[in-house]
Amino acid sequence: MKKTVLLAIVFCLILAAGCTDTASKLPVSPTASPSLTPPPEPVAPKPVSVIRSGNYSLASSIDHIEVDSKGSGKHTVNIYLRLKNTGNESIRLVWYSKLTDKNGLSYGGVGVSHGGSGAQTFIFDPDTTGTMRDYVTIDSDREYAVLKSGGATLDIVYADQKSPLEPIANLTSTWNLEPTYFP
């Protein structure tokens, strides 16, 4: 009997604790309204590669990367670079993208990316900025799965438009891409 009375008292105390009215004691702000949208995630700054060779000087960064999957097996990785001519001379470039997965297998490169022609820029006058697109094709789901799970290294080789298959000495950029770039 004592046990039953003791349990009844504990039960009443728990019930009473849950029934207290704390809402009337909270400060009320007439301008506050509930928000259903989560706060935006902070955006990490994109690394900029500053490259110089002779009279040429560029600042380049990855603007964004998109992946188009065309049925089973075919994946086109679209690479958008933001380039700025930081040199003193106008320049027109061709650039080639190469992705290398964690197993060392490479896709794209000089004479291969963008269907072999590389991405071409307009004439960049000094202090001019633009965003250009190159692409690399991955021909199998299995190879793409390696990029998706382990990321890749992106190498960019820049060449002068006058001789597009001859890279400009030391004018390259390299970025490590996390797997999140490959959804």
Protein backbone atom coordinates (compact mmCIF):
# COMPACT_ATOMS: atom_id res chain seq x y z
CA MET A 1 0.00 0.00 0.00
CA LYS A 2 2.82 2.39 0.85
CA LYS A 3 4.37 1.56 -2.52
CA THR A 4 1.15 2.43 -4.36
CA VAL A 5 0.79 5.76 -2.53
CA LEU A 6 4.43 6.60 -3.21
CA LEU A 7 4.01 5.81 -6.94
CA ALA A 8 0.84 7.92 -7.04
CA ILE A 9 2.67 10.88 -5.50
CA VAL A 10 5.58 10.55 -7.96
CA PHE A 11 3.14 10.30 -10.85
CA CYS A 12 1.31 13.46 -9.69
CA LEU A 13 4.60 15.36 -9.38
CA ILE A 14 5.64 14.37 -12.92
CA LEU A 15 2.22 15.29 -14.27
CA ALA A 16 2.26 18.63 -12.44
CA ALA A 17 5.74 19.45 -13.76
CA GLY A 18 4.56 18.93 -17.32
CA CYS A 19 1.48 21.11 -16.88
CA THR A 20 3.16 24.31 -15.76
CA ASP A 21 2.57 27.34 -17.96
CA THR A 22 5.92 28.84 -18.92
CA ALA A 23 4.74 30.46 -22.17
CA SER A 24 3.12 33.36 -20.33
CA LYS A 25 6.42 34.09 -18.57
CA LEU A 26 8.52 34.33 -21.78
CA PRO A 27 9.19 37.76 -23.27
CA VAL A 28 7.12 38.44 -26.38
CA SER A 29 8.60 40.20 -29.38
CA PRO A 30 5.98 41.64 -31.74
CA THR A 31 8.39 41.60 -34.72
CA ALA A 32 9.63 38.04 -34.33
CA SER A 33 8.14 35.48 -36.68
CA PRO A 34 9.02 31.83 -37.01
CA SER A 35 11.20 30.92 -39.97
CA LEU A 36 10.79 27.64 -41.81
CA THR A 37 13.86 28.23 -43.99
CA PRO A 38 17.13 26.97 -42.54
CA PRO A 39 19.95 29.50 -42.44
CA PRO A 40 22.20 29.41 -45.51
CA GLU A 41 25.29 27.27 -45.26
CA PRO A 42 28.53 29.23 -45.33
CA VAL A 43 30.19 29.17 -48.73
CA ALA A 44 33.85 28.29 -48.69
CA PRO A 45 36.04 30.64 -50.70
CA LYS A 46 37.22 29.14 -53.96
CA PRO A 47 41.00 28.91 -54.21
CA VAL A 48 42.57 31.16 -56.82
CA SER A 49 45.57 30.03 -58.80
CA VAL A 50 47.83 32.92 -59.84
CA ILE A 51 50.09 31.82 -62.66
CA ARG A 52 52.81 33.66 -64.55
CA SER A 53 55.07 32.81 -67.45
CA GLY A 54 57.02 35.39 -69.40
CA ASN A 55 54.58 38.14 -70.43
CA TYR A 56 51.51 36.14 -69.37
CA SER A 57 49.84 36.36 -66.00
CA LEU A 58 46.46 34.88 -65.03
CA ALA A 59 44.34 34.45 -61.95
CA SER A 60 42.08 31.44 -62.32
CA SER A 61 39.55 29.75 -60.07
CA ILE A 62 36.88 27.10 -60.43
CA ASP A 63 33.59 28.91 -60.96
CA HIS A 64 31.58 25.69 -60.75
CA ILE A 65 31.37 22.11 -61.99
CA GLU A 66 28.28 20.40 -63.39
CA VAL A 67 27.85 16.76 -64.33
CA ASP A 68 25.52 15.61 -67.10
CA SER A 69 24.69 11.91 -67.10
CA LYS A 70 23.41 10.68 -70.44
CA GLY A 71 21.99 7.28 -69.77
CA SER A 72 24.01 4.42 -68.46
CA GLY A 73 27.75 4.83 -68.71
CA LYS A 74 28.17 8.33 -70.17
CA HIS A 75 29.02 11.25 -67.84
CA THR A 76 30.11 14.68 -69.04
CA VAL A 77 31.94 16.73 -66.41
CA ASN A 78 31.52 20.42 -67.32
CA ILE A 79 34.28 22.55 -65.80
CA TYR A 80 33.72 26.30 -65.62
CA LEU A 81 36.82 28.37 -64.90
CA ARG A 82 36.85 32.04 -64.03
CA LEU A 83 39.91 33.64 -65.59
CA LYS A 84 41.35 37.12 -65.15
CA ASN A 85 44.20 38.54 -67.22
CA THR A 86 46.47 40.02 -64.55
CA GLY A 87 49.30 40.65 -67.03
CA ASN A 88 50.13 43.68 -69.18
CA GLU A 89 49.39 42.15 -72.60
CA SER A 90 46.25 40.89 -74.31
CA ILE A 91 46.04 37.13 -74.60
CA ARG A 92 43.78 34.55 -76.22
CA LEU A 93 43.96 31.10 -74.68
CA VAL A 94 43.03 27.50 -75.25
CA TRP A 95 42.95 25.40 -72.11
CA TYR A 96 42.63 21.70 -71.48
CA SER A 97 41.22 19.96 -68.41
CA LYS A 98 42.42 16.62 -67.09
CA LEU A 99 40.79 14.74 -64.22
CA THR A 100 42.82 12.09 -62.42
CA ASP A 101 40.98 9.77 -60.02
CA LYS A 102 42.34 8.26 -56.78
CA ASN A 103 43.51 5.16 -58.71
CA GLY A 104 45.62 7.28 -61.07
CA LEU A 105 43.33 6.90 -64.10
CA SER A 106 43.09 10.15 -66.12
CA TYR A 107 40.37 11.59 -68.33
CA GLY A 108 40.77 14.50 -70.71
CA GLY A 109 44.00 16.43 -71.15
CA VAL A 110 45.79 18.15 -74.03
CA GLY A 111 44.15 17.27 -77.33
CA VAL A 112 41.36 15.33 -75.56
CA SER A 113 39.14 17.60 -73.45
CA HIS A 114 36.31 19.53 -75.13
CA GLY A 115 36.17 16.92 -77.85
CA GLY A 116 39.90 17.41 -78.53
CA SER A 117 39.82 21.16 -79.17
CA GLY A 118 40.08 22.40 -75.58
CA ALA A 119 38.18 25.40 -74.25
CA GLN A 120 38.81 28.64 -76.09
CA THR A 121 38.69 32.09 -74.60
CA PHE A 122 37.92 35.41 -76.17
CA ILE A 123 40.74 37.96 -76.37
CA PHE A 124 41.57 38.93 -72.82
CA ASP A 125 42.81 42.46 -72.46
CA PRO A 126 44.68 43.27 -69.25
CA ASP A 127 42.36 43.35 -66.21
CA THR A 128 39.58 41.51 -68.10
CA THR A 129 37.64 38.66 -66.47
CA GLY A 130 35.49 35.92 -67.97
CA THR A 131 34.09 32.45 -67.29
CA MET A 132 34.78 29.66 -69.79
CA ARG A 133 33.64 26.04 -70.06
CA ASP A 134 35.64 22.93 -70.84
CA TYR A 135 34.39 19.38 -70.49
CA VAL A 136 35.71 15.89 -69.93
CA THR A 137 33.76 12.74 -70.81
CA ILE A 138 33.74 9.69 -68.53
CA ASP A 139 32.56 6.65 -70.53
CA SER A 140 31.61 4.18 -67.78
CA ASP A 141 29.53 4.16 -64.62
CA ARG A 142 32.27 2.22 -62.82
CA GLU A 143 34.92 4.86 -63.63
CA TYR A 144 32.54 7.65 -62.61
CA ALA A 145 31.82 5.85 -59.31
CA VAL A 146 35.53 6.15 -58.45
CA LEU A 147 35.32 9.95 -58.90
CA LYS A 148 32.11 9.99 -56.90
CA SER A 149 33.66 8.12 -53.99
CA GLY A 150 37.20 9.49 -53.99
CA GLY A 151 37.19 12.83 -55.79
CA ALA A 152 39.86 13.77 -58.32
CA THR A 153 42.74 16.04 -59.13
CA LEU A 154 41.94 18.65 -61.79
CA ASP A 155 44.89 19.82 -63.87
CA ILE A 156 44.49 22.70 -66.31
CA VAL A 157 47.07 23.32 -69.04
CA TYR A 158 46.94 26.68 -70.83
CA ALA A 159 48.15 27.24 -74.41
CA ASP A 160 48.29 30.30 -76.63
CA GLN A 161 45.60 30.37 -79.33
CA LYS A 162 48.32 30.70 -82.01
CA SER A 163 49.55 27.16 -81.35
CA PRO A 164 46.88 25.48 -79.20
CA LEU A 165 48.61 22.14 -78.73
CA GLU A 166 51.79 23.74 -77.39
CA PRO A 167 51.35 24.62 -73.72
CA ILE A 168 52.78 27.87 -72.44
CA ALA A 169 55.72 27.01 -70.18
CA ASN A 170 54.68 26.81 -66.52
CA LEU A 171 51.13 28.01 -67.18
CA THR A 172 49.16 25.30 -65.37
CA SER A 173 46.73 25.10 -62.44
CA THR A 174 45.92 22.17 -60.16
CA TRP A 175 43.01 21.69 -57.74
CA ASN A 176 41.96 18.75 -55.57
CA LEU A 177 38.24 18.13 -56.03
CA GLU A 178 36.24 16.56 -53.22
CA PRO A 179 33.75 13.77 -54.07
CA THR A 180 30.90 16.30 -53.62
CA TYR A 181 31.79 17.72 -57.04
CA PHE A 182 30.58 14.43 -58.56
CA PRO A 183 26.96 13.85 -57.49
